[in-house]
Full PDB file with SEQRES, HELIX, SHEET, SSBOND, CRYST1, ORIGX, SCALE, CONECT and MASTER records, all heavy atoms in Angstrom:
SEQRES   1 A   32  THR LEU GLN LEU HIS ARG LEU ALA PRO ASP ASP GLY LEU          
SEQRES   2 A   32  ALA GLN THR TRP ALA ARG SER THR GLY VAL ALA PHE PRO          
SEQRES   3 A   32  ARG TYR THR SER TRP GLU                                      
HELIX    1 AA1 LEU A    4  LEU A    7  5                                   4    
HELIX    2 AA2 ASP A   11  THR A   21  1                                  11    
CRYST1    1.000    1.000    1.000  90.00  90.00  90.00 P 1           1          
ORIGX1      1.000000  0.000000  0.000000        0.00000                         
ORIGX2      0.000000  1.000000  0.000000        0.00000                         
ORIGX3      0.000000  0.000000  1.000000        0.00000                         
SCALE1      1.000000  0.000000  0.000000        0.00000                         
SCALE2      0.000000  1.000000  0.000000        0.00000                         
SCALE3      0.000000  0.000000  1.000000        0.00000                         
ATOM      1  N   THR A   1      57.019-145.539 -59.173  1.00  0.00           N  
ATOM      2  CA  THR A   1      55.892-146.004 -58.474  1.00  0.00           C  
ATOM      3  C   THR A   1      55.188-144.837 -57.878  1.00  0.00           C  
ATOM      4  O   THR A   1      55.803-144.041 -57.182  1.00  0.00           O  
ATOM      5  CB  THR A   1      56.291-146.982 -57.392  1.00  0.00           C  
ATOM      6  OG1 THR A   1      56.962-148.159 -58.044  1.00  0.00           O  
ATOM      7  CG2 THR A   1      55.116-147.512 -56.584  1.00  0.00           C  
ATOM      8  N   LEU A   2      53.903-144.705 -58.190  1.00  0.00           N  
ATOM      9  CA  LEU A   2      53.056-143.643 -57.531  1.00  0.00           C  
ATOM     10  C   LEU A   2      52.326-144.367 -56.376  1.00  0.00           C  
ATOM     11  O   LEU A   2      51.449-145.224 -56.693  1.00  0.00           O  
ATOM     12  CB  LEU A   2      52.099-143.119 -58.559  1.00  0.00           C  
ATOM     13  CG  LEU A   2      52.659-142.360 -59.684  1.00  0.00           C  
ATOM     14  CD1 LEU A   2      51.594-141.977 -60.755  1.00  0.00           C  
ATOM     15  CD2 LEU A   2      53.485-141.141 -59.269  1.00  0.00           C  
ATOM     16  N   GLN A   3      52.721-144.113 -55.166  1.00  0.00           N  
ATOM     17  CA  GLN A   3      52.120-144.845 -54.025  1.00  0.00           C  
ATOM     18  C   GLN A   3      50.857-144.025 -53.616  1.00  0.00           C  
ATOM     19  O   GLN A   3      50.909-143.289 -52.589  1.00  0.00           O  
ATOM     20  CB  GLN A   3      53.084-144.930 -52.922  1.00  0.00           C  
ATOM     21  CG  GLN A   3      54.298-145.790 -53.344  1.00  0.00           C  
ATOM     22  CD  GLN A   3      55.290-145.999 -52.211  1.00  0.00           C  
ATOM     23  OE1 GLN A   3      55.101-145.491 -51.062  1.00  0.00           O  
ATOM     24  NE2 GLN A   3      56.342-146.759 -52.449  1.00  0.00           N  
ATOM     25  N   LEU A   4      49.748-144.284 -54.314  1.00  0.00           N  
ATOM     26  CA  LEU A   4      48.517-143.554 -54.046  1.00  0.00           C  
ATOM     27  C   LEU A   4      47.930-143.849 -52.686  1.00  0.00           C  
ATOM     28  O   LEU A   4      47.261-143.026 -52.099  1.00  0.00           O  
ATOM     29  CB  LEU A   4      47.473-143.901 -55.092  1.00  0.00           C  
ATOM     30  CG  LEU A   4      47.853-143.421 -56.488  1.00  0.00           C  
ATOM     31  CD1 LEU A   4      46.725-143.886 -57.522  1.00  0.00           C  
ATOM     32  CD2 LEU A   4      48.149-142.024 -56.559  1.00  0.00           C  
ATOM     33  N   HIS A   5      48.354-144.916 -52.039  1.00  0.00           N  
ATOM     34  CA  HIS A   5      47.840-145.265 -50.722  1.00  0.00           C  
ATOM     35  C   HIS A   5      48.327-144.220 -49.663  1.00  0.00           C  
ATOM     36  O   HIS A   5      47.670-144.091 -48.652  1.00  0.00           O  
ATOM     37  CB  HIS A   5      48.283-146.673 -50.283  1.00  0.00           C  
ATOM     38  CG  HIS A   5      49.803-146.818 -50.072  1.00  0.00           C  
ATOM     39  ND1 HIS A   5      50.372-146.645 -48.912  1.00  0.00           N  
ATOM     40  CD2 HIS A   5      50.750-147.066 -50.974  1.00  0.00           C  
ATOM     41  CE1 HIS A   5      51.675-146.850 -49.047  1.00  0.00           C  
ATOM     42  NE2 HIS A   5      51.929-147.096 -50.300  1.00  0.00           N  
ATOM     43  N   ARG A   6      49.379-143.585 -49.969  1.00  0.00           N  
ATOM     44  CA  ARG A   6      49.878-142.488 -49.000  1.00  0.00           C  
ATOM     45  C   ARG A   6      48.961-141.289 -48.962  1.00  0.00           C  
ATOM     46  O   ARG A   6      49.038-140.411 -47.946  1.00  0.00           O  
ATOM     47  CB  ARG A   6      51.236-142.104 -49.386  1.00  0.00           C  
ATOM     48  CG  ARG A   6      52.209-143.198 -49.198  1.00  0.00           C  
ATOM     49  CD  ARG A   6      53.627-142.692 -49.627  1.00  0.00           C  
ATOM     50  NE  ARG A   6      54.601-143.790 -49.454  1.00  0.00           N  
ATOM     51  CZ  ARG A   6      55.333-144.062 -48.328  1.00  0.00           C  
ATOM     52  NH1 ARG A   6      55.251-143.291 -47.314  1.00  0.00           N  
ATOM     53  NH2 ARG A   6      56.239-145.019 -48.334  1.00  0.00           N  
ATOM     54  N   LEU A   7      48.021-141.130 -49.861  1.00  0.00           N  
ATOM     55  CA  LEU A   7      47.074-140.046 -49.795  1.00  0.00           C  
ATOM     56  C   LEU A   7      46.015-140.246 -48.795  1.00  0.00           C  
ATOM     57  O   LEU A   7      45.390-139.278 -48.302  1.00  0.00           O  
ATOM     58  CB  LEU A   7      46.482-139.791 -51.199  1.00  0.00           C  
ATOM     59  CG  LEU A   7      47.429-139.378 -52.275  1.00  0.00           C  
ATOM     60  CD1 LEU A   7      46.729-139.334 -53.599  1.00  0.00           C  
ATOM     61  CD2 LEU A   7      48.079-138.068 -51.996  1.00  0.00           C  
ATOM     62  N   ALA A   8      45.694-141.473 -48.487  1.00  0.00           N  
ATOM     63  CA  ALA A   8      44.493-141.783 -47.598  1.00  0.00           C  
ATOM     64  C   ALA A   8      44.675-141.125 -46.229  1.00  0.00           C  
ATOM     65  O   ALA A   8      43.722-140.513 -45.765  1.00  0.00           O  
ATOM     66  CB  ALA A   8      44.369-143.340 -47.426  1.00  0.00           C  
ATOM     67  N   PRO A   9      45.804-141.265 -45.498  1.00  0.00           N  
ATOM     68  CA  PRO A   9      45.814-140.708 -44.173  1.00  0.00           C  
ATOM     69  C   PRO A   9      46.084-139.152 -44.162  1.00  0.00           C  
ATOM     70  O   PRO A   9      46.047-138.507 -43.102  1.00  0.00           O  
ATOM     71  CB  PRO A   9      46.970-141.382 -43.502  1.00  0.00           C  
ATOM     72  CG  PRO A   9      47.897-141.723 -44.632  1.00  0.00           C  
ATOM     73  CD  PRO A   9      47.008-142.013 -45.773  1.00  0.00           C  
ATOM     74  N   ASP A  10      46.366-138.504 -45.287  1.00  0.00           N  
ATOM     75  CA  ASP A  10      46.784-137.104 -45.259  1.00  0.00           C  
ATOM     76  C   ASP A  10      46.198-136.335 -46.471  1.00  0.00           C  
ATOM     77  O   ASP A  10      46.753-136.205 -47.521  1.00  0.00           O  
ATOM     78  CB  ASP A  10      48.310-137.117 -45.394  1.00  0.00           C  
ATOM     79  CG  ASP A  10      48.892-135.702 -45.210  1.00  0.00           C  
ATOM     80  OD1 ASP A  10      48.121-134.724 -45.117  1.00  0.00           O  
ATOM     81  OD2 ASP A  10      50.124-135.591 -45.119  1.00  0.00           O  
ATOM     82  N   ASP A  11      44.939-135.808 -46.256  1.00  0.00           N  
ATOM     83  CA  ASP A  11      44.243-135.059 -47.218  1.00  0.00           C  
ATOM     84  C   ASP A  11      45.046-133.820 -47.652  1.00  0.00           C  
ATOM     85  O   ASP A  11      45.002-133.376 -48.797  1.00  0.00           O  
ATOM     86  CB  ASP A  11      42.876-134.656 -46.728  1.00  0.00           C  
ATOM     87  CG  ASP A  11      41.997-134.191 -47.879  1.00  0.00           C  
ATOM     88  OD1 ASP A  11      42.011-134.763 -48.971  1.00  0.00           O  
ATOM     89  OD2 ASP A  11      41.262-133.190 -47.694  1.00  0.00           O  
ATOM     90  N   GLY A  12      45.837-133.259 -46.692  1.00  0.00           N  
ATOM     91  CA  GLY A  12      46.664-132.108 -47.059  1.00  0.00           C  
ATOM     92  C   GLY A  12      47.738-132.413 -48.111  1.00  0.00           C  
ATOM     93  O   GLY A  12      48.034-131.595 -48.959  1.00  0.00           O  
ATOM     94  N   LEU A  13      48.218-133.656 -48.128  1.00  0.00           N  
ATOM     95  CA  LEU A  13      49.200-134.087 -49.129  1.00  0.00           C  
ATOM     96  C   LEU A  13      48.488-134.037 -50.536  1.00  0.00           C  
ATOM     97  O   LEU A  13      49.188-133.535 -51.474  1.00  0.00           O  
ATOM     98  CB  LEU A  13      49.652-135.529 -48.859  1.00  0.00           C  
ATOM     99  CG  LEU A  13      50.674-136.080 -49.790  1.00  0.00           C  
ATOM    100  CD1 LEU A  13      52.008-135.229 -49.793  1.00  0.00           C  
ATOM    101  CD2 LEU A  13      51.055-137.474 -49.352  1.00  0.00           C  
ATOM    102  N   ALA A  14      47.285-134.558 -50.630  1.00  0.00           N  
ATOM    103  CA  ALA A  14      46.621-134.497 -51.915  1.00  0.00           C  
ATOM    104  C   ALA A  14      46.414-133.063 -52.349  1.00  0.00           C  
ATOM    105  O   ALA A  14      46.552-132.726 -53.572  1.00  0.00           O  
ATOM    106  CB  ALA A  14      45.310-135.303 -51.797  1.00  0.00           C  
ATOM    107  N   GLN A  15      46.025-132.166 -51.462  1.00  0.00           N  
ATOM    108  CA  GLN A  15      45.795-130.829 -51.808  1.00  0.00           C  
ATOM    109  C   GLN A  15      47.038-130.094 -52.231  1.00  0.00           C  
ATOM    110  O   GLN A  15      47.071-129.388 -53.242  1.00  0.00           O  
ATOM    111  CB  GLN A  15      45.152-130.117 -50.583  1.00  0.00           C  
ATOM    112  CG  GLN A  15      43.706-130.560 -50.349  1.00  0.00           C  
ATOM    113  CD  GLN A  15      43.162-129.924 -49.101  1.00  0.00           C  
ATOM    114  OE1 GLN A  15      43.778-129.080 -48.471  1.00  0.00           O  
ATOM    115  NE2 GLN A  15      42.052-130.468 -48.670  1.00  0.00           N  
ATOM    116  N   THR A  16      48.149-130.392 -51.586  1.00  0.00           N  
ATOM    117  CA  THR A  16      49.495-129.798 -51.922  1.00  0.00           C  
ATOM    118  C   THR A  16      49.850-130.277 -53.323  1.00  0.00           C  
ATOM    119  O   THR A  16      50.338-129.513 -54.113  1.00  0.00           O  
ATOM    120  CB  THR A  16      50.584-130.170 -50.894  1.00  0.00           C  
ATOM    121  OG1 THR A  16      50.140-129.685 -49.644  1.00  0.00           O  
ATOM    122  CG2 THR A  16      51.916-129.694 -51.283  1.00  0.00           C  
ATOM    123  N   TRP A  17      49.747-131.612 -53.610  1.00  0.00           N  
ATOM    124  CA  TRP A  17      50.051-132.093 -54.902  1.00  0.00           C  
ATOM    125  C   TRP A  17      49.171-131.467 -55.993  1.00  0.00           C  
ATOM    126  O   TRP A  17      49.715-131.033 -57.001  1.00  0.00           O  
ATOM    127  CB  TRP A  17      49.752-133.625 -54.925  1.00  0.00           C  
ATOM    128  CG  TRP A  17      49.896-134.242 -56.217  1.00  0.00           C  
ATOM    129  CD1 TRP A  17      48.905-134.436 -57.096  1.00  0.00           C  
ATOM    130  CD2 TRP A  17      51.121-134.785 -56.769  1.00  0.00           C  
ATOM    131  NE1 TRP A  17      49.402-135.060 -58.252  1.00  0.00           N  
ATOM    132  CE2 TRP A  17      50.720-135.276 -58.090  1.00  0.00           C  
ATOM    133  CE3 TRP A  17      52.368-134.886 -56.375  1.00  0.00           C  
ATOM    134  CZ2 TRP A  17      51.712-135.892 -58.971  1.00  0.00           C  
ATOM    135  CZ3 TRP A  17      53.292-135.480 -57.272  1.00  0.00           C  
ATOM    136  CH2 TRP A  17      52.955-135.969 -58.543  1.00  0.00           C  
ATOM    137  N   ALA A  18      47.904-131.278 -55.746  1.00  0.00           N  
ATOM    138  CA  ALA A  18      46.959-130.616 -56.711  1.00  0.00           C  
ATOM    139  C   ALA A  18      47.437-129.183 -57.055  1.00  0.00           C  
ATOM    140  O   ALA A  18      47.467-128.744 -58.182  1.00  0.00           O  
ATOM    141  CB  ALA A  18      45.579-130.669 -56.230  1.00  0.00           C  
ATOM    142  N   ARG A  19      47.786-128.484 -56.029  1.00  0.00           N  
ATOM    143  CA  ARG A  19      48.183-127.039 -56.151  1.00  0.00           C  
ATOM    144  C   ARG A  19      49.518-126.957 -56.919  1.00  0.00           C  
ATOM    145  O   ARG A  19      49.657-126.149 -57.785  1.00  0.00           O  
ATOM    146  CB  ARG A  19      48.372-126.354 -54.742  1.00  0.00           C  
ATOM    147  CG  ARG A  19      47.086-125.833 -54.168  1.00  0.00           C  
ATOM    148  CD  ARG A  19      47.375-124.884 -53.066  1.00  0.00           C  
ATOM    149  NE  ARG A  19      48.244-125.455 -52.013  1.00  0.00           N  
ATOM    150  CZ  ARG A  19      47.874-126.202 -50.962  1.00  0.00           C  
ATOM    151  NH1 ARG A  19      46.529-126.543 -50.887  1.00  0.00           N  
ATOM    152  NH2 ARG A  19      48.709-126.694 -50.129  1.00  0.00           N  
ATOM    153  N   SER A  20      50.420-127.818 -56.657  1.00  0.00           N  
ATOM    154  CA  SER A  20      51.749-127.713 -57.273  1.00  0.00           C  
ATOM    155  C   SER A  20      51.833-128.362 -58.717  1.00  0.00           C  
ATOM    156  O   SER A  20      52.659-127.934 -59.526  1.00  0.00           O  
ATOM    157  CB  SER A  20      52.856-128.356 -56.372  1.00  0.00           C  
ATOM    158  OG  SER A  20      52.632-129.746 -56.265  1.00  0.00           O  
ATOM    159  N   THR A  21      50.925-129.267 -58.964  1.00  0.00           N  
ATOM    160  CA  THR A  21      51.038-129.877 -60.308  1.00  0.00           C  
ATOM    161  C   THR A  21      49.832-129.701 -61.178  1.00  0.00           C  
ATOM    162  O   THR A  21      49.893-129.959 -62.415  1.00  0.00           O  
ATOM    163  CB  THR A  21      51.112-131.498 -60.170  1.00  0.00           C  
ATOM    164  OG1 THR A  21      49.872-131.950 -59.541  1.00  0.00           O  
ATOM    165  CG2 THR A  21      52.276-131.804 -59.351  1.00  0.00           C  
ATOM    166  N   GLY A  22      48.730-129.280 -60.579  1.00  0.00           N  
ATOM    167  CA  GLY A  22      47.422-129.057 -61.379  1.00  0.00           C  
ATOM    168  C   GLY A  22      46.742-130.360 -61.563  1.00  0.00           C  
ATOM    169  O   GLY A  22      45.799-130.451 -62.311  1.00  0.00           O  
ATOM    170  N   VAL A  23      47.238-131.462 -60.920  1.00  0.00           N  
ATOM    171  CA  VAL A  23      46.593-132.787 -61.068  1.00  0.00           C  
ATOM    172  C   VAL A  23      45.959-133.163 -59.722  1.00  0.00           C  
ATOM    173  O   VAL A  23      46.736-133.257 -58.727  1.00  0.00           O  
ATOM    174  CB  VAL A  23      47.638-133.897 -61.505  1.00  0.00           C  
ATOM    175  CG1 VAL A  23      46.942-135.187 -61.577  1.00  0.00           C  
ATOM    176  CG2 VAL A  23      48.225-133.458 -62.787  1.00  0.00           C  
ATOM    177  N   ALA A  24      44.648-133.336 -59.686  1.00  0.00           N  
ATOM    178  CA  ALA A  24      44.036-133.696 -58.394  1.00  0.00           C  
ATOM    179  C   ALA A  24      43.819-135.226 -58.247  1.00  0.00           C  
ATOM    180  O   ALA A  24      43.385-135.872 -59.237  1.00  0.00           O  
ATOM    181  CB  ALA A  24      42.621-133.045 -58.354  1.00  0.00           C  
ATOM    182  N   PHE A  25      44.202-135.795 -57.110  1.00  0.00           N  
ATOM    183  CA  PHE A  25      43.946-137.095 -56.809  1.00  0.00           C  
ATOM    184  C   PHE A  25      43.047-137.156 -55.558  1.00  0.00           C  
ATOM    185  O   PHE A  25      43.270-136.403 -54.612  1.00  0.00           O  
ATOM    186  CB  PHE A  25      45.286-137.890 -56.424  1.00  0.00           C  
ATOM    187  CG  PHE A  25      46.065-138.322 -57.633  1.00  0.00           C  
ATOM    188  CD1 PHE A  25      47.195-137.573 -58.009  1.00  0.00           C  
ATOM    189  CD2 PHE A  25      45.802-139.460 -58.291  1.00  0.00           C  
ATOM    190  CE1 PHE A  25      47.981-137.963 -59.126  1.00  0.00           C  
ATOM    191  CE2 PHE A  25      46.579-139.873 -59.397  1.00  0.00           C  
ATOM    192  CZ  PHE A  25      47.627-139.127 -59.784  1.00  0.00           C  
ATOM    193  N   PRO A  26      42.045-138.004 -55.568  1.00  0.00           N  
ATOM    194  CA  PRO A  26      41.253-138.193 -54.341  1.00  0.00           C  
ATOM    195  C   PRO A  26      42.044-138.960 -53.298  1.00  0.00           C  
ATOM    196  O   PRO A  26      43.047-139.625 -53.616  1.00  0.00           O  
ATOM    197  CB  PRO A  26      40.051-139.006 -54.831  1.00  0.00           C  
ATOM    198  CG  PRO A  26      40.547-139.693 -56.031  1.00  0.00           C  
ATOM    199  CD  PRO A  26      41.544-138.856 -56.605  1.00  0.00           C  
ATOM    200  N   ARG A  27      41.597-138.981 -52.056  1.00  0.00           N  
ATOM    201  CA  ARG A  27      42.307-139.735 -51.022  1.00  0.00           C  
ATOM    202  C   ARG A  27      42.170-141.282 -51.383  1.00  0.00           C  
ATOM    203  O   ARG A  27      43.109-141.996 -50.990  1.00  0.00           O  
ATOM    204  CB  ARG A  27      41.625-139.475 -49.665  1.00  0.00           C  
ATOM    205  CG  ARG A  27      41.968-138.089 -49.167  1.00  0.00           C  
ATOM    206  CD  ARG A  27      41.386-137.797 -47.800  1.00  0.00           C  
ATOM    207  NE  ARG A  27      41.786-138.754 -46.824  1.00  0.00           N  
ATOM    208  CZ  ARG A  27      41.188-138.958 -45.691  1.00  0.00           C  
ATOM    209  NH1 ARG A  27      40.088-138.365 -45.345  1.00  0.00           N  
ATOM    210  NH2 ARG A  27      41.713-139.831 -44.802  1.00  0.00           N  
ATOM    211  N   TYR A  28      41.125-141.638 -51.887  1.00  0.00           N  
ATOM    212  CA  TYR A  28      40.871-143.076 -52.217  1.00  0.00           C  
ATOM    213  C   TYR A  28      40.459-143.187 -53.699  1.00  0.00           C  
ATOM    214  O   TYR A  28      39.718-142.395 -54.182  1.00  0.00           O  
ATOM    215  CB  TYR A  28      39.818-143.700 -51.436  1.00  0.00           C  
ATOM    216  CG  TYR A  28      39.882-143.460 -50.011  1.00  0.00           C  
ATOM    217  CD1 TYR A  28      39.129-142.441 -49.395  1.00  0.00           C  
ATOM    218  CD2 TYR A  28      40.747-144.247 -49.178  1.00  0.00           C  
ATOM    219  CE1 TYR A  28      39.185-142.226 -47.970  1.00  0.00           C  
ATOM    220  CE2 TYR A  28      40.777-143.956 -47.722  1.00  0.00           C  
ATOM    221  CZ  TYR A  28      40.080-142.964 -47.215  1.00  0.00           C  
ATOM    222  OH  TYR A  28      40.084-142.759 -45.909  1.00  0.00           O  
ATOM    223  N   THR A  29      41.022-144.182 -54.405  1.00  0.00           N  
ATOM    224  CA  THR A  29      40.593-144.477 -55.809  1.00  0.00           C  
ATOM    225  C   THR A  29      40.327-145.974 -55.825  1.00  0.00           C  
ATOM    226  O   THR A  29      41.292-146.818 -55.607  1.00  0.00           O  
ATOM    227  CB  THR A  29      41.739-144.154 -56.835  1.00  0.00           C  
ATOM    228  OG1 THR A  29      42.031-142.716 -56.703  1.00  0.00           O  
ATOM    229  CG2 THR A  29      41.257-144.420 -58.247  1.00  0.00           C  
ATOM    230  N   SER A  30      39.091-146.269 -56.173  1.00  0.00           N  
ATOM    231  CA  SER A  30      38.779-147.699 -56.313  1.00  0.00           C  
ATOM    232  C   SER A  30      39.224-148.287 -57.655  1.00  0.00           C  
ATOM    233  O   SER A  30      39.137-147.519 -58.648  1.00  0.00           O  
ATOM    234  CB  SER A  30      37.291-147.910 -56.007  1.00  0.00           C  
ATOM    235  OG  SER A  30      36.518-147.606 -57.207  1.00  0.00           O  
ATOM    236  N   TRP A  31      39.498-149.509 -57.704  1.00  0.00           N  
ATOM    237  CA  TRP A  31      39.842-150.199 -58.966  1.00  0.00           C  
ATOM    238  C   TRP A  31      38.632-150.139 -59.910  1.00  0.00           C  
ATOM    239  O   TRP A  31      38.788-149.912 -61.101  1.00  0.00           O  
ATOM    240  CB  TRP A  31      40.337-151.557 -58.767  1.00  0.00           C  
ATOM    241  CG  TRP A  31      40.451-152.385 -60.023  1.00  0.00           C  
ATOM    242  CD1 TRP A  31      39.849-153.557 -60.341  1.00  0.00           C  
ATOM    243  CD2 TRP A  31      41.309-152.036 -61.142  1.00  0.00           C  
ATOM    244  NE1 TRP A  31      40.190-153.949 -61.586  1.00  0.00           N  
ATOM    245  CE2 TRP A  31      41.093-152.986 -62.105  1.00  0.00           C  
ATOM    246  CE3 TRP A  31      42.194-151.009 -61.389  1.00  0.00           C  
ATOM    247  CZ2 TRP A  31      41.730-153.051 -63.300  1.00  0.00           C  
ATOM    248  CZ3 TRP A  31      42.853-151.029 -62.652  1.00  0.00           C  
ATOM    249  CH2 TRP A  31      42.613-152.015 -63.563  1.00  0.00           C  
ATOM    250  N   GLU A  32      37.423-150.270 -59.362  1.00  0.00           N  
ATOM    251  CA  GLU A  32      36.203-150.231 -60.167  1.00  0.00           C  
ATOM    252  C   GLU A  32      36.027-148.900 -60.929  1.00  0.00           C  
ATOM    253  O   GLU A  32      35.704-148.837 -62.056  1.00  0.00           O  
ATOM    254  CB  GLU A  32      34.965-150.606 -59.323  1.00  0.00           C  
ATOM    255  CG  GLU A  32      34.967-152.036 -58.924  1.00  0.00           C  
ATOM    256  CD  GLU A  32      34.903-153.054 -60.146  1.00  0.00           C  
ATOM    257  OE1 GLU A  32      34.283-152.729 -61.178  1.00  0.00           O  
ATOM    258  OE2 GLU A  32      35.593-154.032 -60.024  1.00  0.00           O  
TER     259      GLU A  32                                                      
MASTER        0    0    0    2    0    0    0    6  258    1    0    3          
END                                                                             
């Protein structure tokens, strides 16, 4: 389970993930 909701309160977490994996996730991703 990738709990993307955890990125919303912590932009640093998203940046750390992107640096370590090369995969960027925004803080929010809409279903649309």
